[in-house]
Amino acid sequence: MNHKKFINNEIVPARIREARISRGYSLTELADLIGVSSQAISQYELGTSKPGTHVLVKMMGVLNFPLNFFTKPKININNSFCNSAVNFRSMKSASKKLKDAFSCRIQWADEIYQYLRKFVNFPDVDIPNIDHLVKNYEYDADTIERIALYLRKYWKIDRGPIKNLIEILQEKGFVICNIEFGDKKIDAFSQWYNGIPYIIMGTDKASAARARFDIAHELGHLILHPHIDQESLKNKELFDQIENEANYFAGAFLLPVDSFPTEVVSNSLEHFVVLKKRWKVSIQAMIIRCDNLGLLKEHQVRYLFAIINKRGLKTNEPLDDVIPMENPYLFKQAIELLLENNIVSPQEIIDKIALNKEEIDSLCFLPKELLITNSRKPKLTLIKSSCTPSFLK
């Protein structure tokens, strides 16, 4: 490929910065890997200087992005549509650099969404206004209980267990994507971006029950905290508060106060295993929910958690390998529709999205073979003629 024709006019400086941040590199770290100064990298990102062909090719290799990522124009997004915070369900040890790196995935998910919506009608965002249930964004336990019940009623979810949470959210206009977190101390994150509620979930969680709670937690942020901006989250007290609120919402939404308590008829661990099979919520989350609702006494809660610790069930509960995972299908369904109807080719999709194939497969939850560029064969029809062999006639 001739890289030179792109150098002079078409490299987008903001894409260089985005690529660097998404891989978790500082200016100095990237400069050392490429063999230039950190000042040079800064100038590339500001647009005051342009990388030469050799530097650009090295940058593509180190950062693992195709050339067309660096030449893809940035969409101008109205700040009013993307100034809500990126909310991370993560361990406190997860660094800001790590969170900034993963935050880029929401922008990429939105670019995929904007590309696909040129061809496909996605569900409209359907979230009720909750202003009448709350004053000045102050959420006590009773208020969160009311909001959770109101949301279930608005979405016509009955009082029992939610069969498939991801399916419901996608039908209501949420966009849910996958990435592999590995050992990065992050479970999921979310943000209102460009008017769309995005949730990014990890593919490496072994428990469907825990993954469902992560999704419900992020739903809580998107419903309760759209007014919180990134700067505000530097306040530790506020950060801890909204995390607690999102956790409480997840329990209230998945285990509603008007039905779940009637099924808690025993405080034995075995009974909670039975409840887990029905409600698809982890045993530990159900115990905390019972504690919040006063269904168990303090010593009963302590006893149950002591048994869980003694039996080594804190990270590997019963039924974790039985309850099936819920996976997003929105982007996968749209891409399959385009390919099946010969609207675009696999290579066109890869080129337009402008990420490496593995990253597209992950975000869109695609089977690896779907975007293999030589997988589509032309459809041939037989033309009968006087010279057609008799066995083909």
Protein backbone atom coordinates (compact mmCIF):
# COMPACT_ATOMS: atom_id res chain seq x y z
CA MET A 1 0.00 0.00 0.00
CA ASN A 2 1.25 3.46 -0.84
CA HIS A 3 1.23 5.40 2.43
CA LYS A 4 2.76 8.59 1.05
CA LYS A 5 -0.40 9.93 -0.54
CA PHE A 6 -2.05 10.15 2.88
CA ILE A 7 0.71 12.03 4.65
CA ASN A 8 0.33 15.60 3.51
CA ASN A 9 -3.34 16.36 3.93
CA GLU A 10 -5.33 13.46 5.25
CA ILE A 11 -3.90 12.41 8.61
CA VAL A 12 -6.32 13.55 11.35
CA PRO A 13 -4.29 14.76 14.37
CA ALA A 14 -7.05 13.91 16.86
CA ARG A 15 -6.92 10.28 15.71
CA ILE A 16 -3.25 10.01 16.70
CA ARG A 17 -4.08 11.15 20.22
CA GLU A 18 -7.11 8.87 20.36
CA ALA A 19 -5.04 5.87 19.25
CA ARG A 20 -2.33 6.59 21.82
CA ILE A 21 -4.77 7.03 24.72
CA SER A 22 -6.78 3.95 23.72
CA ARG A 23 -3.64 1.81 24.06
CA GLY A 24 -2.74 3.33 27.42
CA TYR A 25 0.49 5.07 26.37
CA SER A 26 1.82 8.39 27.60
CA LEU A 27 3.50 10.74 25.12
CA THR A 28 6.91 9.60 26.35
CA GLU A 29 6.07 5.90 26.20
CA LEU A 30 4.82 6.10 22.61
CA ALA A 31 7.76 8.27 21.58
CA ASP A 32 10.24 5.70 22.94
CA LEU A 33 8.49 2.87 21.07
CA ILE A 34 8.47 4.76 17.77
CA GLY A 35 11.91 6.35 18.08
CA VAL A 36 10.98 10.05 18.09
CA SER A 37 10.74 12.68 20.82
CA SER A 38 7.67 13.18 23.00
CA GLN A 39 7.54 16.74 21.65
CA ALA A 40 7.18 15.30 18.14
CA ILE A 41 4.26 13.12 19.21
CA SER A 42 2.63 16.15 20.86
CA GLN A 43 3.03 18.14 17.65
CA TYR A 44 1.47 15.34 15.59
CA GLU A 45 -1.52 15.29 17.94
CA LEU A 46 -1.92 19.08 17.79
CA GLY A 47 -1.56 19.13 14.02
CA THR A 48 1.38 21.55 14.07
CA SER A 49 3.57 18.87 12.49
CA LYS A 50 2.85 15.80 10.36
CA PRO A 51 4.44 12.37 10.79
CA GLY A 52 6.55 11.15 7.90
CA THR A 53 5.87 7.86 6.16
CA HIS A 54 8.35 5.89 8.25
CA VAL A 55 7.01 7.27 11.54
CA LEU A 56 3.40 6.69 10.50
CA VAL A 57 4.04 3.06 9.57
CA LYS A 58 5.77 2.46 12.91
CA MET A 59 2.89 4.14 14.71
CA MET A 60 0.39 1.89 12.93
CA GLY A 61 2.34 -1.17 14.03
CA VAL A 62 2.89 -0.14 17.64
CA LEU A 63 -0.69 1.04 18.20
CA ASN A 64 -2.26 -1.71 16.07
CA PHE A 65 -4.53 0.47 13.95
CA PRO A 66 -5.05 0.40 10.17
CA LEU A 67 -4.07 3.41 8.10
CA ASN A 68 -7.65 4.46 7.47
CA PHE A 69 -8.21 4.93 11.22
CA PHE A 70 -5.74 7.82 11.14
CA THR A 71 -7.40 9.34 8.06
CA LYS A 72 -10.98 8.90 9.21
CA PRO A 73 -12.59 12.32 9.95
CA LYS A 74 -13.80 12.90 13.48
CA ILE A 75 -17.54 13.42 13.73
CA ASN A 76 -18.44 16.72 15.36
CA ILE A 77 -20.56 15.76 18.36
CA ASN A 78 -22.64 18.36 20.16
CA ASN A 79 -21.22 18.60 23.67
CA SER A 80 -24.72 18.53 25.13
CA PHE A 81 -24.98 14.94 23.88
CA CYS A 82 -21.76 13.58 25.33
CA ASN A 83 -20.89 15.51 28.48
CA SER A 84 -22.18 12.87 30.90
CA ALA A 85 -19.51 10.97 32.77
CA VAL A 86 -18.19 7.59 31.75
CA ASN A 87 -19.24 5.43 34.69
CA PHE A 88 -16.97 2.50 35.45
CA ARG A 89 -17.89 -0.54 37.50
CA SER A 90 -14.34 -1.24 38.57
CA MET A 91 -11.99 -1.82 41.44
CA LYS A 92 -10.63 1.34 43.03
CA SER A 93 -7.13 0.32 41.95
CA ALA A 94 -8.06 0.79 38.27
CA SER A 95 -6.02 3.80 37.11
CA LYS A 96 -7.25 6.90 35.30
CA LYS A 97 -5.00 6.02 32.35
CA LEU A 98 -6.69 2.61 32.10
CA LYS A 99 -10.17 4.13 32.29
CA ASP A 100 -9.30 6.75 29.67
CA ALA A 101 -8.06 3.97 27.39
CA PHE A 102 -11.31 2.03 27.64
CA SER A 103 -13.46 5.17 27.35
CA CYS A 104 -12.43 5.44 23.69
CA ARG A 105 -14.47 2.30 23.01
CA ILE A 106 -17.70 4.21 23.54
CA GLN A 107 -16.70 6.65 20.79
CA TRP A 108 -15.90 3.70 18.52
CA ALA A 109 -19.21 2.04 19.37
CA ASP A 110 -20.97 5.27 18.43
CA GLU A 111 -19.11 5.47 15.12
CA ILE A 112 -20.17 1.88 14.36
CA TYR A 113 -23.74 2.76 15.32
CA GLN A 114 -23.76 5.89 13.12
CA TYR A 115 -22.40 3.88 10.17
CA LEU A 116 -24.88 1.02 10.50
CA ARG A 117 -27.90 3.27 11.02
CA LYS A 118 -27.42 4.54 7.45
CA PHE A 119 -28.73 1.13 6.39
CA VAL A 120 -30.68 -0.22 9.38
CA ASN A 121 -33.43 1.14 11.61
CA PHE A 122 -32.39 0.65 15.22
CA PRO A 123 -34.93 0.83 18.08
CA ASP A 124 -35.61 4.34 19.39
CA VAL A 125 -34.42 5.20 22.89
CA ASP A 126 -37.40 4.61 25.16
CA ILE A 127 -36.69 5.74 28.72
CA PRO A 128 -39.34 7.38 30.92
CA ASN A 129 -38.96 10.77 32.55
CA ILE A 130 -38.49 10.25 36.30
CA ASP A 131 -38.54 13.92 37.37
CA HIS A 132 -41.85 13.44 39.19
CA LEU A 133 -40.29 10.72 41.35
CA VAL A 134 -37.23 12.63 42.55
CA LYS A 135 -36.20 16.10 43.73
CA ASN A 136 -32.86 17.67 42.85
CA TYR A 137 -31.30 14.31 41.94
CA GLU A 138 -31.41 13.17 45.56
CA TYR A 139 -31.87 9.42 45.83
CA ASP A 140 -32.62 7.70 49.10
CA ALA A 141 -33.50 4.00 49.22
CA ASP A 142 -37.26 4.57 48.97
CA THR A 143 -36.86 6.83 45.93
CA ILE A 144 -34.69 4.27 44.13
CA GLU A 145 -37.25 1.55 44.93
CA ARG A 146 -39.99 3.70 43.35
CA ILE A 147 -37.89 4.41 40.26
CA ALA A 148 -37.05 0.72 39.79
CA LEU A 149 -40.72 -0.29 40.04
CA TYR A 150 -41.79 2.56 37.77
CA LEU A 151 -39.25 1.57 35.12
CA ARG A 152 -40.38 -2.07 35.18
CA LYS A 153 -44.00 -0.93 34.82
CA TYR A 154 -43.16 1.50 32.00
CA TRP A 155 -41.32 -1.24 30.11
CA LYS A 156 -44.14 -3.72 30.85
CA ILE A 157 -41.90 -6.13 32.78
CA ASP A 158 -43.92 -8.34 35.10
CA ARG A 159 -43.19 -8.71 38.80
CA GLY A 160 -41.11 -11.86 38.38
CA PRO A 161 -37.53 -12.50 37.24
CA ILE A 162 -36.25 -10.77 34.12
CA LYS A 163 -35.67 -13.48 31.53
CA ASN A 164 -33.09 -11.62 29.41
CA LEU A 165 -31.95 -8.17 30.54
CA ILE A 166 -29.78 -7.41 27.50
CA GLU A 167 -32.66 -8.21 25.15
CA ILE A 168 -34.96 -5.78 26.97
CA LEU A 169 -32.39 -2.98 26.97
CA GLN A 170 -31.62 -3.38 23.27
CA GLU A 171 -35.35 -3.21 22.49
CA LYS A 172 -35.43 0.09 24.41
CA GLY A 173 -32.66 1.70 22.38
CA PHE A 174 -29.60 0.87 24.50
CA VAL A 175 -26.45 -0.13 22.63
CA ILE A 176 -24.46 -2.85 24.39
CA CYS A 177 -20.99 -3.89 23.25
CA ASN A 178 -18.36 -6.38 24.33
CA ILE A 179 -14.66 -6.12 25.03
CA GLU A 180 -12.20 -8.32 26.86
CA PHE A 181 -10.99 -6.73 30.10
CA GLY A 182 -8.69 -9.56 31.15
CA ASP A 183 -7.13 -8.68 34.51
CA LYS A 184 -7.74 -4.95 34.12
CA LYS A 185 -9.91 -4.67 37.28
CA ILE A 186 -12.93 -3.41 35.30
CA ASP A 187 -16.28 -5.18 34.91
CA ALA A 188 -18.33 -2.77 32.76
CA PHE A 189 -18.81 0.93 31.98
CA SER A 190 -21.43 3.18 30.45
CA GLN A 191 -22.11 6.66 29.10
CA TRP A 192 -24.76 8.75 27.40
CA TYR A 193 -23.04 9.65 24.12
CA ASN A 194 -24.55 11.43 21.14
CA GLY A 195 -28.03 10.89 22.58
CA ILE A 196 -27.60 7.11 22.93
CA PRO A 197 -27.14 5.12 26.17
CA TYR A 198 -24.07 2.90 25.73
CA ILE A 199 -22.99 0.01 27.95
CA ILE A 200 -19.69 -1.82 27.44
CA MET A 201 -19.49 -5.20 29.16
CA GLY A 202 -16.65 -7.67 29.58
CA THR A 203 -16.56 -10.95 27.69
CA ASP A 204 -14.35 -12.61 30.27
CA LYS A 205 -16.76 -12.86 33.21
CA ALA A 206 -17.53 -16.50 34.00
CA SER A 207 -20.81 -15.84 35.82
CA ALA A 208 -23.96 -14.83 33.94
CA ALA A 209 -25.56 -13.76 37.23
CA ARG A 210 -22.73 -11.35 38.00
CA ALA A 211 -22.71 -10.05 34.42
CA ARG A 212 -26.46 -9.31 34.67
CA PHE A 213 -25.87 -7.35 37.86
CA ASP A 214 -23.10 -5.36 36.11
CA ILE A 215 -25.51 -4.46 33.32
CA ALA A 216 -28.23 -3.48 35.84
CA HIS A 217 -25.65 -1.38 37.71
CA GLU A 218 -24.78 0.51 34.50
CA LEU A 219 -28.49 0.91 33.77
CA GLY A 220 -28.75 2.55 37.17
CA HIS A 221 -26.07 5.10 36.25
CA LEU A 222 -27.73 5.88 32.91
CA ILE A 223 -31.15 6.36 34.53
CA LEU A 224 -30.11 8.09 37.76
CA HIS A 225 -26.95 10.02 36.86
CA PRO A 226 -27.11 11.52 33.33
CA HIS A 227 -26.43 14.95 34.90
CA ILE A 228 -23.07 13.93 36.38
CA ASP A 229 -20.07 15.10 34.33
CA GLN A 230 -16.55 13.69 34.32
CA GLU A 231 -15.07 16.51 36.35
CA SER A 232 -17.54 15.93 39.18
CA LEU A 233 -16.39 12.33 39.58
CA LYS A 234 -13.05 13.55 40.89
CA ASN A 235 -14.94 14.18 44.12
CA LYS A 236 -14.44 10.88 45.98
CA GLU A 237 -17.51 11.37 48.17
CA LEU A 238 -19.73 11.90 45.13
CA PHE A 239 -18.14 8.96 43.30
CA ASP A 240 -18.79 6.62 46.22
CA GLN A 241 -22.35 7.93 46.55
CA ILE A 242 -23.36 7.30 42.94
CA GLU A 243 -21.72 3.85 42.99
CA ASN A 244 -23.81 2.94 46.02
CA GLU A 245 -26.94 4.32 44.32
CA ALA A 246 -26.29 2.32 41.14
CA ASN A 247 -25.71 -0.83 43.20
CA TYR A 248 -28.93 -0.30 45.12
CA PHE A 249 -30.81 0.32 41.86
CA ALA A 250 -29.47 -2.91 40.35
CA GLY A 251 -30.78 -4.91 43.28
CA ALA A 252 -34.13 -3.10 43.28
CA PHE A 253 -34.61 -3.54 39.54
CA LEU A 254 -33.62 -7.21 39.35
CA LEU A 255 -35.23 -8.21 42.67
CA PRO A 256 -38.32 -5.97 43.00
CA VAL A 257 -39.61 -5.09 46.43
CA ASP A 258 -43.19 -6.05 45.55
CA SER A 259 -42.40 -9.68 44.66
CA PHE A 260 -38.93 -10.99 45.56
CA PRO A 261 -39.44 -10.83 49.38
CA THR A 262 -42.40 -13.24 49.19
CA GLU A 263 -40.05 -15.95 47.90
CA VAL A 264 -37.47 -15.62 50.66
CA VAL A 265 -38.87 -18.30 52.95
CA SER A 266 -35.60 -19.63 54.39
CA ASN A 267 -32.22 -18.24 55.38
CA SER A 268 -30.29 -21.35 54.31
CA LEU A 269 -27.63 -21.17 51.62
CA GLU A 270 -29.37 -24.02 49.79
CA HIS A 271 -32.54 -21.93 49.51
CA PHE A 272 -30.57 -19.06 47.97
CA VAL A 273 -29.20 -21.49 45.37
CA VAL A 274 -32.82 -22.27 44.42
CA LEU A 275 -33.60 -18.53 44.24
CA LYS A 276 -30.52 -17.93 42.10
CA LYS A 277 -31.69 -20.44 39.51
CA ARG A 278 -35.03 -18.62 39.23
CA TRP A 279 -33.94 -14.95 39.50
CA LYS A 280 -30.50 -15.27 37.81
CA VAL A 281 -28.89 -13.04 40.43
CA SER A 282 -25.84 -14.03 42.45
CA ILE A 283 -26.34 -15.45 45.94
CA GLN A 284 -24.26 -12.67 47.47
CA ALA A 285 -26.28 -9.94 45.72
CA MET A 286 -29.51 -11.56 46.94
CA ILE A 287 -28.21 -11.68 50.52
CA ILE A 288 -27.32 -7.98 50.35
CA ARG A 289 -30.79 -7.25 48.92
CA CYS A 290 -32.38 -9.17 51.81
CA ASP A 291 -30.25 -7.19 54.23
CA ASN A 292 -31.34 -3.88 52.64
CA LEU A 293 -35.00 -4.87 52.89
CA GLY A 294 -34.72 -6.18 56.44
CA LEU A 295 -35.61 -9.73 55.41
CA LEU A 296 -32.64 -11.16 57.29
CA LYS A 297 -31.27 -10.29 60.69
CA GLU A 298 -27.73 -8.98 60.98
CA HIS A 299 -26.38 -12.21 62.45
CA GLN A 300 -28.01 -14.23 59.65
CA VAL A 301 -26.27 -12.11 57.02
CA ARG A 302 -22.92 -12.55 58.81
CA TYR A 303 -23.48 -16.30 59.05
CA LEU A 304 -24.30 -16.67 55.34
CA PHE A 305 -21.23 -14.71 54.25
CA ALA A 306 -19.08 -16.74 56.67
CA ILE A 307 -20.29 -19.96 54.99
CA ILE A 308 -19.63 -18.49 51.55
CA ASN A 309 -16.06 -17.60 52.55
CA LYS A 310 -15.47 -20.95 54.25
CA ARG A 311 -16.63 -22.91 51.19
CA GLY A 312 -14.63 -20.75 48.78
CA LEU A 313 -17.77 -19.52 46.99
CA LYS A 314 -16.98 -15.82 46.95
CA THR A 315 -15.77 -15.86 43.33
CA ASN A 316 -17.26 -19.15 42.17
CA GLU A 317 -20.85 -19.70 43.29
CA PRO A 318 -23.13 -22.67 42.59
CA LEU A 319 -24.84 -22.45 39.14
CA ASP A 320 -22.24 -20.03 37.76
CA ASP A 321 -21.45 -22.64 35.10
CA VAL A 322 -25.13 -23.45 34.47
CA ILE A 323 -26.99 -20.16 33.93
CA PRO A 324 -26.40 -19.16 30.28
CA MET A 325 -24.69 -15.88 29.44
CA GLU A 326 -26.71 -13.10 27.80
CA ASN A 327 -24.97 -11.62 24.78
CA PRO A 328 -25.66 -8.47 22.74
CA TYR A 329 -26.86 -9.07 19.19
CA LEU A 330 -27.78 -5.61 17.83
CA PHE A 331 -24.64 -4.87 15.77
CA LYS A 332 -24.22 -8.53 14.82
CA GLN A 333 -27.78 -8.68 13.50
CA ALA A 334 -27.33 -5.46 11.52
CA ILE A 335 -24.05 -6.58 9.93
CA GLU A 336 -25.45 -10.00 9.04
CA LEU A 337 -28.44 -8.27 7.42
CA LEU A 338 -26.16 -6.11 5.26
CA LEU A 339 -24.01 -9.06 4.19
CA GLU A 340 -26.91 -11.42 3.49
CA ASN A 341 -28.53 -8.83 1.22
CA ASN A 342 -25.25 -7.94 -0.53
CA ILE A 343 -25.56 -4.29 0.54
CA VAL A 344 -21.87 -4.08 1.45
CA SER A 345 -18.93 -6.47 1.53
CA PRO A 346 -16.99 -7.57 4.61
CA GLN A 347 -14.04 -5.47 3.49
CA GLU A 348 -16.23 -2.38 3.06
CA ILE A 349 -17.46 -2.77 6.65
CA ILE A 350 -13.91 -3.10 7.96
CA ASP A 351 -12.74 -0.10 5.91
CA LYS A 352 -15.64 2.13 6.96
CA ILE A 353 -15.40 1.30 10.65
CA ALA A 354 -11.61 1.70 10.38
CA LEU A 355 -10.57 -0.49 13.29
CA ASN A 356 -8.66 -3.75 13.11
CA LYS A 357 -10.89 -6.76 12.47
CA GLU A 358 -10.34 -8.30 15.90
CA GLU A 359 -11.52 -5.11 17.61
CA ILE A 360 -14.63 -4.96 15.40
CA ASP A 361 -15.38 -8.63 16.10
CA SER A 362 -15.11 -7.99 19.83
CA LEU A 363 -17.18 -4.79 20.02
CA CYS A 364 -19.92 -6.16 17.76
CA PHE A 365 -19.84 -9.70 19.19
CA LEU A 366 -19.22 -11.21 15.75
CA PRO A 367 -18.14 -14.76 14.94
CA LYS A 368 -14.56 -14.60 13.62
CA GLU A 369 -15.52 -15.91 10.21
CA LEU A 370 -18.23 -13.31 9.47
CA LEU A 371 -15.93 -10.54 8.23
CA ILE A 372 -13.38 -12.74 6.50
CA THR A 373 -13.07 -10.82 3.27
CA ASN A 374 -12.82 -13.84 0.96
CA SER A 375 -15.78 -15.65 2.51
CA ARG A 376 -18.35 -14.36 0.03
CA LYS A 377 -18.51 -16.13 -3.31
CA PRO A 378 -20.38 -14.91 -6.39
CA LYS A 379 -23.68 -16.60 -7.08
CA LEU A 380 -23.51 -18.45 -10.41
CA THR A 381 -26.42 -19.52 -12.58
CA LEU A 382 -26.29 -22.13 -15.33
CA ILE A 383 -27.00 -20.96 -18.90
CA LYS A 384 -28.42 -23.72 -21.12
CA SER A 385 -27.07 -23.85 -24.67
CA SER A 386 -26.74 -26.30 -27.50
CA CYS A 387 -23.26 -27.19 -26.33
CA THR A 388 -24.25 -27.79 -22.69
CA PRO A 389 -23.35 -31.40 -21.77
CA SER A 390 -26.42 -33.61 -21.41
CA PHE A 391 -25.79 -34.32 -17.74
CA LEU A 392 -26.11 -30.56 -16.99
CA LYS A 393 -29.33 -30.05 -18.97
